[in-house]
Amino acid sequence: MDKLNIDKMLKDFPSFEQHLHDELQNKELEKEFLRICLVDYVKDGNYSMFFRELEHVVKARTTISQLAQDINLNRSNLSNILKGKVQPSFNTTIKILRGLGAEIEVKFA
């Protein structure tokens, strides 16, 4: 029996990023992913994680440059936000979400 070649086997599997990119092509899954990310952000306040997750959606849908142009934001600033390097204002956060087609509804318990 041949030895298993783990390295060769792993090469045949997509990376996590590629898998997520492929999955986010499904618009319903993308919406649910965004919803869950936003709910988690509201709960834990981890803006860095939230915007890194948003970066996956942006890259699955378009480019950072195109989104920046669409929402009238400097490309470098948007990139730094999505990398979690800069905490954006509330208005900028809303602008990014709206640029991704999100409609935000606020409910009070």
C-alpha atoms as a PDB file:
ATOM      1  CA  MET A   1       0.000   0.000   0.000  1.00  0.00           C
ATOM      2  CA  ASP A   2       1.313   3.458  -0.929  1.00  0.00           C
ATOM      3  CA  LYS A   3       2.068   5.989   1.768  1.00  0.00           C
ATOM      4  CA  LEU A   4      -0.368   8.856   1.983  1.00  0.00           C
ATOM      5  CA  ASN A   5       1.107  12.032   0.645  1.00  0.00           C
ATOM      6  CA  ILE A   6      -0.469  14.616   2.954  1.00  0.00           C
ATOM      7  CA  ASP A   7       1.141  17.577   1.168  1.00  0.00           C
ATOM      8  CA  LYS A   8      -0.313  16.473  -2.153  1.00  0.00           C
ATOM      9  CA  MET A   9      -3.711  15.912  -0.579  1.00  0.00           C
ATOM     10  CA  LEU A  10      -3.727  19.366   1.011  1.00  0.00           C
ATOM     11  CA  LYS A  11      -2.880  21.009  -2.311  1.00  0.00           C
ATOM     12  CA  ASP A  12      -6.127  19.610  -3.705  1.00  0.00           C
ATOM     13  CA  PHE A  13      -8.201  21.421  -1.056  1.00  0.00           C
ATOM     14  CA  PRO A  14      -9.047  25.093  -1.455  1.00  0.00           C
ATOM     15  CA  SER A  15      -7.761  27.515   1.162  1.00  0.00           C
ATOM     16  CA  PHE A  16     -10.230  28.862   3.690  1.00  0.00           C
ATOM     17  CA  GLU A  17     -10.195  32.220   1.898  1.00  0.00           C
ATOM     18  CA  GLN A  18     -10.924  30.618  -1.458  1.00  0.00           C
ATOM     19  CA  HIS A  19     -13.692  28.468   0.018  1.00  0.00           C
ATOM     20  CA  LEU A  20     -15.289  31.493   1.698  1.00  0.00           C
ATOM     21  CA  HIS A  21     -14.948  33.517  -1.517  1.00  0.00           C
ATOM     22  CA  ASP A  22     -16.715  30.747  -3.442  1.00  0.00           C
ATOM     23  CA  GLU A  23     -19.479  30.417  -0.839  1.00  0.00           C
ATOM     24  CA  LEU A  24     -20.081  34.165  -0.773  1.00  0.00           C
ATOM     25  CA  GLN A  25     -21.021  34.058  -4.449  1.00  0.00           C
ATOM     26  CA  ASN A  26     -24.388  32.791  -3.182  1.00  0.00           C
ATOM     27  CA  LYS A  27     -26.269  36.036  -2.424  1.00  0.00           C
ATOM     28  CA  GLU A  28     -28.471  34.475   0.264  1.00  0.00           C
ATOM     29  CA  LEU A  29     -25.445  33.063   2.066  1.00  0.00           C
ATOM     30  CA  GLU A  30     -23.704  36.418   1.680  1.00  0.00           C
ATOM     31  CA  LYS A  31     -26.649  38.226   3.294  1.00  0.00           C
ATOM     32  CA  GLU A  32     -26.710  35.791   6.197  1.00  0.00           C
ATOM     33  CA  PHE A  33     -22.925  36.065   6.616  1.00  0.00           C
ATOM     34  CA  LEU A  34     -23.196  39.867   6.766  1.00  0.00           C
ATOM     35  CA  ARG A  35     -26.103  39.682   9.212  1.00  0.00           C
ATOM     36  CA  ILE A  36     -24.220  37.356  11.549  1.00  0.00           C
ATOM     37  CA  CYS A  37     -21.071  39.485  11.332  1.00  0.00           C
ATOM     38  CA  LEU A  38     -23.036  42.607  12.223  1.00  0.00           C
ATOM     39  CA  VAL A  39     -24.825  40.900  15.121  1.00  0.00           C
ATOM     40  CA  ASP A  40     -21.482  39.688  16.480  1.00  0.00           C
ATOM     41  CA  TYR A  41     -20.022  43.187  16.098  1.00  0.00           C
ATOM     42  CA  VAL A  42     -22.891  44.730  18.027  1.00  0.00           C
ATOM     43  CA  LYS A  43     -22.443  42.126  20.794  1.00  0.00           C
ATOM     44  CA  ASP A  44     -18.673  42.229  21.200  1.00  0.00           C
ATOM     45  CA  GLY A  45     -17.630  45.564  19.658  1.00  0.00           C
ATOM     46  CA  ASN A  46     -14.680  43.977  17.878  1.00  0.00           C
ATOM     47  CA  TYR A  47     -14.529  46.348  14.909  1.00  0.00           C
ATOM     48  CA  SER A  48     -11.269  44.850  13.665  1.00  0.00           C
ATOM     49  CA  MET A  49     -12.793  41.390  13.243  1.00  0.00           C
ATOM     50  CA  PHE A  50     -16.002  42.806  11.784  1.00  0.00           C
ATOM     51  CA  PHE A  51     -14.234  44.739   9.068  1.00  0.00           C
ATOM     52  CA  ARG A  52     -11.875  41.871   8.224  1.00  0.00           C
ATOM     53  CA  GLU A  53     -15.002  39.771   7.692  1.00  0.00           C
ATOM     54  CA  LEU A  54     -16.491  42.524   5.537  1.00  0.00           C
ATOM     55  CA  GLU A  55     -13.342  42.449   3.440  1.00  0.00           C
ATOM     56  CA  HIS A  56     -14.226  38.896   2.386  1.00  0.00           C
ATOM     57  CA  VAL A  57     -17.614  40.100   1.169  1.00  0.00           C
ATOM     58  CA  VAL A  58     -16.102  43.030  -0.694  1.00  0.00           C
ATOM     59  CA  LYS A  59     -13.564  40.805  -2.442  1.00  0.00           C
ATOM     60  CA  ALA A  60     -16.210  38.227  -3.339  1.00  0.00           C
ATOM     61  CA  ARG A  61     -18.397  40.893  -4.893  1.00  0.00           C
ATOM     62  CA  THR A  62     -16.072  43.539  -6.293  1.00  0.00           C
ATOM     63  CA  THR A  63     -12.737  45.173  -5.491  1.00  0.00           C
ATOM     64  CA  ILE A  64     -11.772  47.501  -2.680  1.00  0.00           C
ATOM     65  CA  SER A  65     -10.989  50.163  -5.284  1.00  0.00           C
ATOM     66  CA  GLN A  66     -14.414  49.864  -6.892  1.00  0.00           C
ATOM     67  CA  LEU A  67     -16.287  49.954  -3.594  1.00  0.00           C
ATOM     68  CA  ALA A  68     -14.234  52.966  -2.479  1.00  0.00           C
ATOM     69  CA  GLN A  69     -15.152  54.736  -5.700  1.00  0.00           C
ATOM     70  CA  ASP A  70     -18.826  53.741  -5.366  1.00  0.00           C
ATOM     71  CA  ILE A  71     -19.109  55.138  -1.836  1.00  0.00           C
ATOM     72  CA  ASN A  72     -16.828  58.125  -2.421  1.00  0.00           C
ATOM     73  CA  LEU A  73     -14.170  57.047   0.072  1.00  0.00           C
ATOM     74  CA  ASN A  74     -10.409  57.099  -0.327  1.00  0.00           C
ATOM     75  CA  ARG A  75      -9.227  53.621  -1.393  1.00  0.00           C
ATOM     76  CA  SER A  76      -6.357  53.613   1.089  1.00  0.00           C
ATOM     77  CA  ASN A  77      -8.693  54.569   3.944  1.00  0.00           C
ATOM     78  CA  LEU A  78     -11.154  51.841   2.992  1.00  0.00           C
ATOM     79  CA  SER A  79      -8.352  49.299   2.790  1.00  0.00           C
ATOM     80  CA  ASN A  80      -7.077  50.283   6.250  1.00  0.00           C
ATOM     81  CA  ILE A  81     -10.601  50.000   7.651  1.00  0.00           C
ATOM     82  CA  LEU A  82     -11.113  46.553   6.122  1.00  0.00           C
ATOM     83  CA  LYS A  83      -7.725  45.403   7.452  1.00  0.00           C
ATOM     84  CA  GLY A  84      -8.824  46.462  10.956  1.00  0.00           C
ATOM     85  CA  LYS A  85      -6.081  49.091  11.185  1.00  0.00           C
ATOM     86  CA  VAL A  86      -8.426  52.066  11.521  1.00  0.00           C
ATOM     87  CA  GLN A  87     -11.701  52.308  13.403  1.00  0.00           C
ATOM     88  CA  PRO A  88     -14.152  54.166  11.180  1.00  0.00           C
ATOM     89  CA  SER A  89     -16.806  56.588  12.310  1.00  0.00           C
ATOM     90  CA  PHE A  90     -20.383  55.398  12.578  1.00  0.00           C
ATOM     91  CA  ASN A  91     -21.231  57.341   9.400  1.00  0.00           C
ATOM     92  CA  THR A  92     -18.427  55.636   7.473  1.00  0.00           C
ATOM     93  CA  THR A  93     -19.529  52.230   8.746  1.00  0.00           C
ATOM     94  CA  ILE A  94     -23.064  52.901   7.522  1.00  0.00           C
ATOM     95  CA  LYS A  95     -21.699  54.150   4.191  1.00  0.00           C
ATOM     96  CA  ILE A  96     -19.726  50.913   3.711  1.00  0.00           C
ATOM     97  CA  LEU A  97     -22.695  48.734   4.633  1.00  0.00           C
ATOM     98  CA  ARG A  98     -25.014  50.673   2.333  1.00  0.00           C
ATOM     99  CA  GLY A  99     -22.397  50.385  -0.419  1.00  0.00           C
ATOM    100  CA  LEU A 100     -22.691  46.625   0.004  1.00  0.00           C
ATOM    101  CA  GLY A 101     -26.459  46.877  -0.340  1.00  0.00           C
ATOM    102  CA  ALA A 102     -27.342  46.477   3.318  1.00  0.00           C
ATOM    103  CA  GLU A 103     -30.545  47.906   4.727  1.00  0.00           C
ATOM    104  CA  ILE A 104     -30.277  48.445   8.435  1.00  0.00           C
ATOM    105  CA  GLU A 105     -33.239  48.076  10.752  1.00  0.00           C
ATOM    106  CA  VAL A 106     -32.995  48.896  14.425  1.00  0.00           C
ATOM    107  CA  LYS A 107     -35.189  47.072  16.923  1.00  0.00           C
ATOM    108  CA  PHE A 108     -35.437  47.707  20.619  1.00  0.00           C
ATOM    109  CA  ALA A 109     -36.351  44.885  22.969  1.00  0.00           C
END
